[in-house]
Amino acid sequence: MTIGGERFTRRLVLASGAASLVGVSACAPAAPNEFANLGRGLDDVTLTSSAGASVRWGELAGAPRALFFGFTRCPVICPVTIYELTASADRIGEPVADLRIDFVTVDPDRDTPERMAQYFAGFGPKVTGFTGSQEALARLREAFDVSAARVPLESGDYTMDHTATVFLVGRDARVADVIAYGADQGVIDERLRALVSQ
């Protein structure tokens, strides 16, 4: 698989994330209505997809979605997360045919639609990147209780610290469950199967 011009294999991606996975465990299945207030009141938010299309958040309802907030220059967490989700979908196959994997950037200054289109090309057609105005992205982060902060680097560049949770959004646009970073692949498979069966 090629990500942003770099060649990745499953072994390489998992090896690069191994240190970050230490001490991180998957969360237990969600209690009913535990996430009822997440992601509400966003139907009017307008974003731009990695295909360059203008999309209202409310228009995304109707398909089960695995939603992740991240940035394309993330060295480990973001590519590992997206790779694990797509690998799980590939393993499960037809039962998750209508599953979408939506990636909302926390770094709109660098994550242009063109940059995201190039980056996600190696992940397959299920993955769509989204950017937007600072106001629109802030509304999304607040609604999903996601934090993101720019961290300066000695080189003069910067990286982003951000929440690394996958939100599983049902066809009714409500958050049904979450997946913690570092979850076992069996847990990811189980959660995605449960999401699409609702």
C-alpha atoms as a PDB file:
ATOM      1  CA  MET A   1       0.000   0.000   0.000  1.00  0.00           C
ATOM      2  CA  THR A   2       1.236   3.505  -0.811  1.00  0.00           C
ATOM      3  CA  ILE A   3       0.357   6.346   1.563  1.00  0.00           C
ATOM      4  CA  GLY A   4       1.279   9.872   0.577  1.00  0.00           C
ATOM      5  CA  GLY A   5       3.985   8.552  -1.723  1.00  0.00           C
ATOM      6  CA  GLU A   6       5.477   6.205   0.897  1.00  0.00           C
ATOM      7  CA  ARG A   7       5.284   2.428   0.640  1.00  0.00           C
ATOM      8  CA  PHE A   8       3.617   0.766   3.635  1.00  0.00           C
ATOM      9  CA  THR A   9       2.995  -2.882   4.402  1.00  0.00           C
ATOM     10  CA  ARG A  10       0.876  -4.214   7.218  1.00  0.00           C
ATOM     11  CA  ARG A  11       4.003  -5.393   9.033  1.00  0.00           C
ATOM     12  CA  LEU A  12       5.709  -1.994   8.666  1.00  0.00           C
ATOM     13  CA  VAL A  13       2.668  -0.043   9.771  1.00  0.00           C
ATOM     14  CA  LEU A  14       2.109  -2.225  12.816  1.00  0.00           C
ATOM     15  CA  ALA A  15       5.789  -2.240  13.729  1.00  0.00           C
ATOM     16  CA  SER A  16       5.946   1.549  13.556  1.00  0.00           C
ATOM     17  CA  GLY A  17       2.990   1.776  15.908  1.00  0.00           C
ATOM     18  CA  ALA A  18       4.099  -0.905  18.339  1.00  0.00           C
ATOM     19  CA  ALA A  19       5.637   1.473  20.857  1.00  0.00           C
ATOM     20  CA  SER A  20       2.515   3.605  20.922  1.00  0.00           C
ATOM     21  CA  LEU A  21       0.308   0.578  21.414  1.00  0.00           C
ATOM     22  CA  VAL A  22       1.993  -0.459  24.661  1.00  0.00           C
ATOM     23  CA  GLY A  23      -0.336   0.044  27.594  1.00  0.00           C
ATOM     24  CA  VAL A  24      -3.346   0.975  25.437  1.00  0.00           C
ATOM     25  CA  SER A  25      -6.329  -1.322  25.660  1.00  0.00           C
ATOM     26  CA  ALA A  26      -9.618  -1.474  23.818  1.00  0.00           C
ATOM     27  CA  CYS A  27     -12.624  -0.005  25.520  1.00  0.00           C
ATOM     28  CA  ALA A  28     -15.416  -2.269  26.619  1.00  0.00           C
ATOM     29  CA  PRO A  29     -18.619  -2.287  24.557  1.00  0.00           C
ATOM     30  CA  ALA A  30     -20.623   0.868  25.091  1.00  0.00           C
ATOM     31  CA  ALA A  31     -23.571   1.022  27.419  1.00  0.00           C
ATOM     32  CA  PRO A  32     -26.866   1.944  25.731  1.00  0.00           C
ATOM     33  CA  ASN A  33     -27.144   5.696  25.042  1.00  0.00           C
ATOM     34  CA  GLU A  34     -23.643   6.293  26.442  1.00  0.00           C
ATOM     35  CA  PHE A  35     -22.780   8.324  23.356  1.00  0.00           C
ATOM     36  CA  ALA A  36     -26.239   9.794  22.711  1.00  0.00           C
ATOM     37  CA  ASN A  37     -25.081  13.404  22.920  1.00  0.00           C
ATOM     38  CA  LEU A  38     -22.063  13.071  20.625  1.00  0.00           C
ATOM     39  CA  GLY A  39     -22.208  14.500  17.116  1.00  0.00           C
ATOM     40  CA  ARG A  40     -25.552  16.241  17.497  1.00  0.00           C
ATOM     41  CA  GLY A  41     -26.653  19.496  15.829  1.00  0.00           C
ATOM     42  CA  LEU A  42     -24.227  19.330  12.916  1.00  0.00           C
ATOM     43  CA  ASP A  43     -26.502  18.840   9.916  1.00  0.00           C
ATOM     44  CA  ASP A  44     -25.834  22.342   8.587  1.00  0.00           C
ATOM     45  CA  VAL A  45     -22.025  22.152   8.819  1.00  0.00           C
ATOM     46  CA  THR A  46     -20.470  22.310   5.352  1.00  0.00           C
ATOM     47  CA  LEU A  47     -17.181  20.564   4.584  1.00  0.00           C
ATOM     48  CA  THR A  48     -15.051  19.905   1.513  1.00  0.00           C
ATOM     49  CA  SER A  49     -14.277  16.290   0.684  1.00  0.00           C
ATOM     50  CA  SER A  50     -10.965  14.948  -0.568  1.00  0.00           C
ATOM     51  CA  ALA A  51     -12.673  14.764  -3.983  1.00  0.00           C
ATOM     52  CA  GLY A  52     -13.189  18.533  -3.836  1.00  0.00           C
ATOM     53  CA  ALA A  53     -16.970  18.338  -3.340  1.00  0.00           C
ATOM     54  CA  SER A  54     -18.889  20.563  -0.946  1.00  0.00           C
ATOM     55  CA  VAL A  55     -20.784  18.313   1.497  1.00  0.00           C
ATOM     56  CA  ARG A  56     -23.223  19.116   4.280  1.00  0.00           C
ATOM     57  CA  TRP A  57     -22.737  16.919   7.352  1.00  0.00           C
ATOM     58  CA  GLY A  58     -26.403  15.984   7.337  1.00  0.00           C
ATOM     59  CA  GLU A  59     -26.022  14.532   3.837  1.00  0.00           C
ATOM     60  CA  LEU A  60     -23.660  11.870   5.186  1.00  0.00           C
ATOM     61  CA  ALA A  61     -26.424  10.158   7.165  1.00  0.00           C
ATOM     62  CA  GLY A  62     -27.825   6.877   5.915  1.00  0.00           C
ATOM     63  CA  ALA A  63     -24.650   4.791   5.766  1.00  0.00           C
ATOM     64  CA  PRO A  64     -22.726   3.287   8.686  1.00  0.00           C
ATOM     65  CA  ARG A  65     -19.484   5.215   9.231  1.00  0.00           C
ATOM     66  CA  ALA A  66     -16.237   4.863  11.116  1.00  0.00           C
ATOM     67  CA  LEU A  67     -15.263   8.463  11.881  1.00  0.00           C
ATOM     68  CA  PHE A  68     -11.748   9.538  12.850  1.00  0.00           C
ATOM     69  CA  PHE A  69     -10.177  12.940  13.465  1.00  0.00           C
ATOM     70  CA  GLY A  70      -6.522  13.231  12.479  1.00  0.00           C
ATOM     71  CA  PHE A  71      -3.984  14.748  10.094  1.00  0.00           C
ATOM     72  CA  THR A  72      -2.085  13.410   7.123  1.00  0.00           C
ATOM     73  CA  ARG A  73       1.375  14.276   8.442  1.00  0.00           C
ATOM     74  CA  CYS A  74       0.752  12.157  11.550  1.00  0.00           C
ATOM     75  CA  PRO A  75       3.675   9.710  11.793  1.00  0.00           C
ATOM     76  CA  VAL A  76       1.935   6.721  13.399  1.00  0.00           C
ATOM     77  CA  ILE A  77      -1.509   6.965  14.975  1.00  0.00           C
ATOM     78  CA  CYS A  78      -3.502   8.181  11.966  1.00  0.00           C
ATOM     79  CA  PRO A  79      -2.104   5.851   9.302  1.00  0.00           C
ATOM     80  CA  VAL A  80      -2.273   2.875  11.680  1.00  0.00           C
ATOM     81  CA  THR A  81      -5.892   3.647  12.560  1.00  0.00           C
ATOM     82  CA  ILE A  82      -7.063   4.046   8.971  1.00  0.00           C
ATOM     83  CA  TYR A  83      -5.079   1.013   7.857  1.00  0.00           C
ATOM     84  CA  GLU A  84      -6.566  -1.164  10.593  1.00  0.00           C
ATOM     85  CA  LEU A  85     -10.107  -0.047   9.726  1.00  0.00           C
ATOM     86  CA  THR A  86      -9.656  -0.759   6.016  1.00  0.00           C
ATOM     87  CA  ALA A  87      -7.962  -4.089   6.763  1.00  0.00           C
ATOM     88  CA  SER A  88     -10.901  -5.058   8.961  1.00  0.00           C
ATOM     89  CA  ALA A  89     -13.400  -4.071   6.266  1.00  0.00           C
ATOM     90  CA  ASP A  90     -11.464  -6.109   3.708  1.00  0.00           C
ATOM     91  CA  ARG A  91     -11.498  -9.146   6.010  1.00  0.00           C
ATOM     92  CA  ILE A  92     -15.212  -8.919   6.730  1.00  0.00           C
ATOM     93  CA  GLY A  93     -16.115  -8.330   3.098  1.00  0.00           C
ATOM     94  CA  GLU A  94     -19.691  -8.114   1.835  1.00  0.00           C
ATOM     95  CA  PRO A  95     -21.412  -7.577   5.215  1.00  0.00           C
ATOM     96  CA  VAL A  96     -19.690  -4.167   5.474  1.00  0.00           C
ATOM     97  CA  ALA A  97     -20.054  -3.252   1.798  1.00  0.00           C
ATOM     98  CA  ASP A  98     -21.773   0.048   2.607  1.00  0.00           C
ATOM     99  CA  LEU A  99     -19.427   1.020   5.468  1.00  0.00           C
ATOM    100  CA  ARG A 100     -17.698   4.376   5.012  1.00  0.00           C
ATOM    101  CA  ILE A 101     -14.510   5.505   6.712  1.00  0.00           C
ATOM    102  CA  ASP A 102     -14.570   9.289   7.190  1.00  0.00           C
ATOM    103  CA  PHE A 103     -11.431  11.201   8.182  1.00  0.00           C
ATOM    104  CA  VAL A 104     -11.870  14.788   9.417  1.00  0.00           C
ATOM    105  CA  THR A 105      -8.655  16.772   9.502  1.00  0.00           C
ATOM    106  CA  VAL A 106      -7.463  18.622  12.590  1.00  0.00           C
ATOM    107  CA  ASP A 107      -4.832  20.356  10.430  1.00  0.00           C
ATOM    108  CA  PRO A 108      -6.731  22.280   7.715  1.00  0.00           C
ATOM    109  CA  ASP A 109      -3.784  24.580   7.012  1.00  0.00           C
ATOM    110  CA  ARG A 110      -1.880  21.677   5.460  1.00  0.00           C
ATOM    111  CA  ASP A 111      -4.574  19.092   4.699  1.00  0.00           C
ATOM    112  CA  THR A 112      -6.006  20.436   1.470  1.00  0.00           C
ATOM    113  CA  PRO A 113      -8.443  18.303  -0.526  1.00  0.00           C
ATOM    114  CA  GLU A 114      -5.635  17.587  -2.990  1.00  0.00           C
ATOM    115  CA  ARG A 115      -3.255  16.503  -0.239  1.00  0.00           C
ATOM    116  CA  MET A 116      -5.885  14.217   1.307  1.00  0.00           C
ATOM    117  CA  ALA A 117      -6.858  12.730  -2.062  1.00  0.00           C
ATOM    118  CA  GLN A 118      -3.230  11.765  -2.642  1.00  0.00           C
ATOM    119  CA  TYR A 119      -2.786  10.474   0.898  1.00  0.00           C
ATOM    120  CA  PHE A 120      -5.910   8.308   0.962  1.00  0.00           C
ATOM    121  CA  ALA A 121      -5.489   6.904  -2.551  1.00  0.00           C
ATOM    122  CA  GLY A 122      -3.574   3.955  -1.097  1.00  0.00           C
ATOM    123  CA  PHE A 123      -6.335   3.072   1.368  1.00  0.00           C
ATOM    124  CA  GLY A 124      -9.058   2.280  -1.142  1.00  0.00           C
ATOM    125  CA  PRO A 125     -12.459   3.758  -2.002  1.00  0.00           C
ATOM    126  CA  LYS A 126     -14.065   3.429   1.439  1.00  0.00           C
ATOM    127  CA  VAL A 127     -11.978   6.292   2.882  1.00  0.00           C
ATOM    128  CA  THR A 128     -12.930   9.943   2.387  1.00  0.00           C
ATOM    129  CA  GLY A 129     -11.074  12.885   3.861  1.00  0.00           C
ATOM    130  CA  PHE A 130     -12.846  16.082   4.903  1.00  0.00           C
ATOM    131  CA  THR A 131     -11.619  19.590   5.575  1.00  0.00           C
ATOM    132  CA  GLY A 132     -13.414  22.897   6.019  1.00  0.00           C
ATOM    133  CA  SER A 133     -13.284  26.271   7.666  1.00  0.00           C
ATOM    134  CA  GLN A 134     -11.786  26.581  11.123  1.00  0.00           C
ATOM    135  CA  GLU A 135     -15.280  27.313  12.448  1.00  0.00           C
ATOM    136  CA  ALA A 136     -16.836  24.241  10.835  1.00  0.00           C
ATOM    137  CA  LEU A 137     -14.070  21.929  12.046  1.00  0.00           C
ATOM    138  CA  ALA A 138     -14.231  23.400  15.552  1.00  0.00           C
ATOM    139  CA  ARG A 139     -17.961  22.664  15.681  1.00  0.00           C
ATOM    140  CA  LEU A 140     -17.322  19.053  14.721  1.00  0.00           C
ATOM    141  CA  ARG A 141     -14.563  18.603  17.299  1.00  0.00           C
ATOM    142  CA  GLU A 142     -16.696  20.138  20.022  1.00  0.00           C
ATOM    143  CA  ALA A 143     -19.710  17.984  19.147  1.00  0.00           C
ATOM    144  CA  PHE A 144     -17.609  14.810  19.307  1.00  0.00           C
ATOM    145  CA  ASP A 145     -15.633  15.967  22.358  1.00  0.00           C
ATOM    146  CA  VAL A 146     -12.392  15.798  20.358  1.00  0.00           C
ATOM    147  CA  SER A 147      -9.380  17.832  21.385  1.00  0.00           C
ATOM    148  CA  ALA A 148      -6.656  19.025  19.020  1.00  0.00           C
ATOM    149  CA  ALA A 149      -3.671  21.277  19.622  1.00  0.00           C
ATOM    150  CA  ARG A 150      -0.755  22.471  17.498  1.00  0.00           C
ATOM    151  CA  VAL A 151       2.621  21.546  19.002  1.00  0.00           C
ATOM    152  CA  PRO A 152       5.695  23.461  17.732  1.00  0.00           C
ATOM    153  CA  LEU A 153       8.779  21.455  16.775  1.00  0.00           C
ATOM    154  CA  GLU A 154      12.406  22.554  17.104  1.00  0.00           C
ATOM    155  CA  SER A 155      12.684  22.506  13.313  1.00  0.00           C
ATOM    156  CA  GLY A 156      10.178  25.348  13.094  1.00  0.00           C
ATOM    157  CA  ASP A 157       7.487  22.983  11.829  1.00  0.00           C
ATOM    158  CA  TYR A 158       4.673  21.665  14.003  1.00  0.00           C
ATOM    159  CA  THR A 159       2.739  18.506  14.754  1.00  0.00           C
ATOM    160  CA  MET A 160      -0.754  17.984  16.169  1.00  0.00           C
ATOM    161  CA  ASP A 161      -1.821  16.366  19.417  1.00  0.00           C
ATOM    162  CA  HIS A 162      -5.367  15.056  19.075  1.00  0.00           C
ATOM    163  CA  THR A 163      -7.943  12.579  20.366  1.00  0.00           C
ATOM    164  CA  ALA A 164      -7.358   9.181  18.740  1.00  0.00           C
ATOM    165  CA  THR A 165     -10.809   7.601  19.066  1.00  0.00           C
ATOM    166  CA  VAL A 166     -12.809   6.062  16.221  1.00  0.00           C
ATOM    167  CA  PHE A 167     -16.490   6.961  16.451  1.00  0.00           C
ATOM    168  CA  LEU A 168     -18.865   4.373  15.000  1.00  0.00           C
ATOM    169  CA  VAL A 169     -21.844   6.240  13.550  1.00  0.00           C
ATOM    170  CA  GLY A 170     -24.957   4.305  12.616  1.00  0.00           C
ATOM    171  CA  ARG A 171     -27.258   4.807   9.656  1.00  0.00           C
ATOM    172  CA  ASP A 172     -29.365   7.074  11.880  1.00  0.00           C
ATOM    173  CA  ALA A 173     -26.331   9.399  12.256  1.00  0.00           C
ATOM    174  CA  ARG A 174     -26.038   8.610  15.970  1.00  0.00           C
ATOM    175  CA  VAL A 175     -22.823   7.416  17.590  1.00  0.00           C
ATOM    176  CA  ALA A 176     -23.378   3.761  18.472  1.00  0.00           C
ATOM    177  CA  ASP A 177     -19.946   2.863  19.841  1.00  0.00           C
ATOM    178  CA  VAL A 178     -16.271   3.798  19.778  1.00  0.00           C
ATOM    179  CA  ILE A 179     -12.992   2.008  19.162  1.00  0.00           C
ATOM    180  CA  ALA A 180      -9.908   2.956  21.169  1.00  0.00           C
ATOM    181  CA  TYR A 181      -6.552   3.320  19.486  1.00  0.00           C
ATOM    182  CA  GLY A 182      -4.644   0.062  19.866  1.00  0.00           C
ATOM    183  CA  ALA A 183      -7.736  -2.138  19.899  1.00  0.00           C
ATOM    184  CA  ASP A 184      -7.172  -5.753  18.902  1.00  0.00           C
ATOM    185  CA  GLN A 185      -8.165  -6.552  15.328  1.00  0.00           C
ATOM    186  CA  GLY A 186     -10.769  -9.001  16.595  1.00  0.00           C
ATOM    187  CA  VAL A 187     -12.402  -6.175  18.551  1.00  0.00           C
ATOM    188  CA  ILE A 188     -12.384  -3.923  15.480  1.00  0.00           C
ATOM    189  CA  ASP A 189     -14.008  -6.664  13.389  1.00  0.00           C
ATOM    190  CA  GLU A 190     -16.647  -7.269  16.042  1.00  0.00           C
ATOM    191  CA  ARG A 191     -17.510  -3.558  16.401  1.00  0.00           C
ATOM    192  CA  LEU A 192     -17.765  -2.996  12.646  1.00  0.00           C
ATOM    193  CA  ARG A 193     -19.994  -6.056  12.222  1.00  0.00           C
ATOM    194  CA  ALA A 194     -22.235  -4.804  15.019  1.00  0.00           C
ATOM    195  CA  LEU A 195     -22.413  -1.324  13.486  1.00  0.00           C
ATOM    196  CA  VAL A 196     -23.574  -2.462  10.052  1.00  0.00           C
ATOM    197  CA  SER A 197     -26.098  -4.911  11.510  1.00  0.00           C
ATOM    198  CA  GLN A 198     -28.055  -2.150  13.243  1.00  0.00           C
END
